[in-house]
C-alpha atoms as a PDB file:
ATOM      1  CA  MET A   1      -8.264 -15.555 165.573  1.00  0.00           C
ATOM      2  CA  LEU A   2      -8.735 -18.944 163.997  1.00  0.00           C
ATOM      3  CA  GLN A   3      -7.694 -22.340 165.234  1.00  0.00           C
ATOM      4  CA  HIS A   4      -4.241 -23.056 166.696  1.00  0.00           C
ATOM      5  CA  GLY A   5      -3.474 -19.368 167.250  1.00  0.00           C
ATOM      6  CA  VAL A   6      -3.499 -18.521 163.534  1.00  0.00           C
ATOM      7  CA  LYS A   7      -4.721 -14.960 163.003  1.00  0.00           C
ATOM      8  CA  CYS A   8      -6.616 -14.092 159.842  1.00  0.00           C
ATOM      9  CA  ALA A   9      -8.837 -11.089 159.188  1.00  0.00           C
ATOM     10  CA  PRO A  10     -12.329 -11.639 157.759  1.00  0.00           C
ATOM     11  CA  ALA A  11     -11.276  -9.632 154.687  1.00  0.00           C
ATOM     12  CA  THR A  12      -8.375 -12.033 154.134  1.00  0.00           C
ATOM     13  CA  MET A  13     -10.674 -15.046 154.365  1.00  0.00           C
ATOM     14  CA  SER A  14     -12.972 -13.351 151.839  1.00  0.00           C
ATOM     15  CA  LYS A  15     -10.076 -12.738 149.446  1.00  0.00           C
ATOM     16  CA  LEU A  16      -8.859 -16.340 149.818  1.00  0.00           C
ATOM     17  CA  ARG A  17     -12.380 -17.599 148.995  1.00  0.00           C
ATOM     18  CA  SER A  18     -12.154 -15.594 145.794  1.00  0.00           C
ATOM     19  CA  ILE A  19      -8.625 -16.492 144.666  1.00  0.00           C
ATOM     20  CA  GLY A  20      -8.187 -19.869 146.374  1.00  0.00           C
ATOM     21  CA  GLY A  21      -5.893 -20.950 149.158  1.00  0.00           C
ATOM     22  CA  GLY A  22      -8.341 -20.574 152.030  1.00  0.00           C
ATOM     23  CA  ALA A  23     -10.139 -23.132 154.139  1.00  0.00           C
ATOM     24  CA  ARG A  24     -12.896 -25.253 152.605  1.00  0.00           C
ATOM     25  CA  TYR A  25     -16.377 -23.923 153.354  1.00  0.00           C
ATOM     26  CA  ASN A  26     -20.103 -24.354 152.770  1.00  0.00           C
ATOM     27  CA  LYS A  27     -22.529 -21.597 151.911  1.00  0.00           C
ATOM     28  CA  CYS A  28     -25.883 -20.792 153.468  1.00  0.00           C
ATOM     29  CA  GLY A  29     -27.295 -18.208 151.114  1.00  0.00           C
ATOM     30  CA  ALA A  30     -24.464 -15.698 150.731  1.00  0.00           C
ATOM     31  CA  THR A  31     -22.856 -16.556 154.090  1.00  0.00           C
ATOM     32  CA  PRO A  32     -19.759 -18.789 154.092  1.00  0.00           C
ATOM     33  CA  LEU A  33     -19.715 -21.380 156.874  1.00  0.00           C
ATOM     34  CA  TYR A  34     -16.407 -22.985 157.833  1.00  0.00           C
ATOM     35  CA  PRO A  35     -16.499 -26.453 159.426  1.00  0.00           C
ATOM     36  CA  ARG A  36     -14.112 -26.609 162.394  1.00  0.00           C
ATOM     37  CA  GLU A  37     -12.266 -29.547 160.807  1.00  0.00           C
ATOM     38  CA  ALA A  38     -11.607 -27.512 157.644  1.00  0.00           C
ATOM     39  CA  LEU A  39     -10.263 -24.586 159.697  1.00  0.00           C
ATOM     40  CA  ASP A  40      -8.027 -26.951 161.700  1.00  0.00           C
ATOM     41  CA  GLU A  41      -6.614 -28.468 158.511  1.00  0.00           C
ATOM     42  CA  TRP A  42      -6.031 -25.048 156.913  1.00  0.00           C
ATOM     43  CA  ALA A  43      -4.434 -23.535 160.034  1.00  0.00           C
ATOM     44  CA  LEU A  44      -2.076 -26.486 160.535  1.00  0.00           C
ATOM     45  CA  ALA A  45      -0.969 -26.266 156.902  1.00  0.00           C
ATOM     46  CA  ARG A  46      -0.058 -22.585 157.428  1.00  0.00           C
ATOM     47  CA  LEU A  47       1.965 -23.285 160.575  1.00  0.00           C
ATOM     48  CA  GLY A  48       4.647 -25.430 158.957  1.00  0.00           C
ATOM     49  CA  GLY A  49       6.802 -28.028 160.670  1.00  0.00           C
ATOM     50  CA  LEU A  50       7.663 -28.311 164.354  1.00  0.00           C
ATOM     51  CA  LYS A  51      10.984 -26.902 165.536  1.00  0.00           C
ATOM     52  CA  SER A  52      13.112 -27.815 168.532  1.00  0.00           C
ATOM     53  CA  SER A  53      15.201 -24.613 168.542  1.00  0.00           C
ATOM     54  CA  THR A  54      15.457 -21.238 166.807  1.00  0.00           C
ATOM     55  CA  SER A  55      18.222 -22.596 164.548  1.00  0.00           C
ATOM     56  CA  ASP A  56      16.152 -25.622 163.474  1.00  0.00           C
ATOM     57  CA  ALA A  57      14.798 -25.341 159.914  1.00  0.00           C
ATOM     58  CA  GLY A  58      11.913 -27.710 160.774  1.00  0.00           C
ATOM     59  CA  ASP A  59      10.096 -29.897 158.243  1.00  0.00           C
END
């Protein structure tokens, strides 16, 4: 589980590193390192807008 309750498998993060669309990262040798701020930003972008009810389309 990543930040803000967003679930993402390690294999998915690996695929997103390859094709784009994942969180920004640094590398230490072959190991990707994700700064917490980058994971926060990425997770919040995936969540979408806030809703006040189930019929609310949000932002």
